[in-house]
C-alpha cells in the first residue's frame, strides 16, 4: 500500500487528504501522544514541544489539508491532559 498523493497548484507533491491517509496519520499521532503521556524521552533530546512544532512544519509542507491534522494533534493532546504547546499554531481545532 502506497501513500495517496496529490499536487499543489505549484506542482509540489502533497499527501492527499483521503480517509485512508487521515486514519494512518491519526494512528501515528495517537501513538506519539501516548508516548508523550507515558513520559517517553525523545532519542534526539528534543522536548515534546519542539518535536510537535517540527512535526507541524512538516505537516504544513507535505499535506493537502494540514489544519485538520494539526487540529487533531492539538485537541487529542489536550484530551490526554498534556500541557499546551508553546508557540502553538492558530488553527481551528474543532475538526479534531
Protein backbone atom coordinates (compact mmCIF):
# COMPACT_ATOMS: atom_id res chain seq x y z
CA UNK A 1 0.00 0.00 0.00
CA UNK A 2 1.45 3.34 -1.02
CA UNK A 3 0.77 6.87 0.02
CA UNK A 4 -2.06 8.69 -1.71
CA UNK A 5 -0.66 11.82 -3.32
CA UNK A 6 -1.96 14.93 -4.99
CA UNK A 7 -0.29 18.06 -6.29
CA UNK A 8 -0.43 21.68 -5.17
CA UNK A 9 -1.03 24.41 -7.73
CA UNK A 10 2.72 24.95 -7.97
CA UNK A 11 3.31 21.25 -8.71
CA UNK A 12 4.52 20.32 -5.23
CA UNK A 13 3.65 16.73 -4.34
CA UNK A 14 1.44 16.50 -1.24
CA UNK A 15 -0.04 13.70 0.82
CA UNK A 16 -3.69 13.62 -0.27
CA UNK A 17 -6.45 14.28 2.23
CA UNK A 18 -8.18 10.90 1.94
CA UNK A 19 -9.88 8.84 4.66
CA UNK A 20 -7.08 6.27 4.50
CA UNK A 21 -4.33 8.87 4.84
CA UNK A 22 -6.14 10.59 7.72
CA UNK A 23 -6.62 7.28 9.52
CA UNK A 24 -2.93 6.40 9.14
CA UNK A 25 -1.86 9.83 10.35
CA UNK A 26 -4.26 9.78 13.31
CA UNK A 27 -2.97 6.33 14.35
CA UNK A 28 0.61 7.61 14.28
CA UNK A 29 -0.32 10.76 16.22
CA UNK A 30 -2.20 8.72 18.83
CA UNK A 31 0.89 6.58 19.33
CA UNK A 32 3.13 9.61 19.79
CA UNK A 33 0.66 11.25 22.18
CA UNK A 34 0.57 8.04 24.25
CA UNK A 35 4.37 8.01 24.35
CA UNK A 36 4.44 11.64 25.47
CA UNK A 37 1.86 10.92 28.17
CA UNK A 38 3.96 7.98 29.45
CA UNK A 39 6.94 10.32 29.82
CA UNK A 40 8.96 8.95 26.92
CA UNK A 41 12.15 10.91 26.26
CA UNK A 42 12.81 11.60 22.58
CA UNK A 43 16.00 9.90 21.41
CA UNK A 44 17.25 13.08 19.76
CA UNK A 45 16.91 15.01 23.02
CA UNK A 46 14.23 17.37 21.72
CA UNK A 47 11.41 18.37 24.01
CA UNK A 48 7.94 17.23 23.05
CA UNK A 49 7.06 20.86 22.38
CA UNK A 50 9.89 21.15 19.85
CA UNK A 51 9.05 17.79 18.33
CA UNK A 52 5.40 18.73 17.76
CA UNK A 53 6.26 22.15 16.35
CA UNK A 54 8.69 20.46 13.97
CA UNK A 55 6.02 17.95 13.03
CA UNK A 56 3.59 20.81 12.36
CA UNK A 57 6.08 22.40 9.96
CA UNK A 58 6.45 19.08 8.16
CA UNK A 59 2.69 18.56 8.03
CA UNK A 60 2.21 22.04 6.55
CA UNK A 61 4.86 21.38 3.91
CA UNK A 62 3.68 17.93 2.89
CA UNK A 63 -0.08 17.65 3.43
CA UNK A 64 -3.04 18.67 1.33
CA UNK A 65 -5.10 19.70 4.37
CA UNK A 66 -2.67 20.40 7.22
CA UNK A 67 -5.05 22.28 9.51
CA UNK A 68 -7.17 19.17 10.09
CA UNK A 69 -4.12 17.14 11.03
CA UNK A 70 -2.65 19.78 13.33
CA UNK A 71 -6.03 20.35 14.97
CA UNK A 72 -6.27 16.61 15.65
CA UNK A 73 -2.92 16.63 17.44
CA UNK A 74 -3.73 19.75 19.46
CA UNK A 75 -7.17 18.53 20.56
CA UNK A 76 -6.02 14.98 21.36
CA UNK A 77 -3.05 16.23 23.38
CA UNK A 78 -5.49 18.40 25.36
CA UNK A 79 -7.82 15.43 25.87
CA UNK A 80 -4.86 13.44 27.18
CA UNK A 81 -4.16 16.18 29.74
CA UNK A 82 -0.83 17.18 28.23
CA UNK A 83 0.43 20.75 28.56
CA UNK A 84 -0.37 23.33 25.91
CA UNK A 85 2.35 23.77 23.34
CA UNK A 86 4.39 26.94 23.41
CA UNK A 87 4.07 28.95 20.19
CA UNK A 88 1.03 26.85 19.37
CA UNK A 89 -0.23 27.43 15.85
CA UNK A 90 -3.53 29.18 15.39
CA UNK A 91 -5.79 26.52 13.95
CA UNK A 92 -9.44 25.72 14.28
CA UNK A 93 -9.25 22.62 16.45
CA UNK A 94 -12.96 21.88 16.11
CA UNK A 95 -12.03 19.45 13.31
CA UNK A 96 -10.29 17.00 15.66
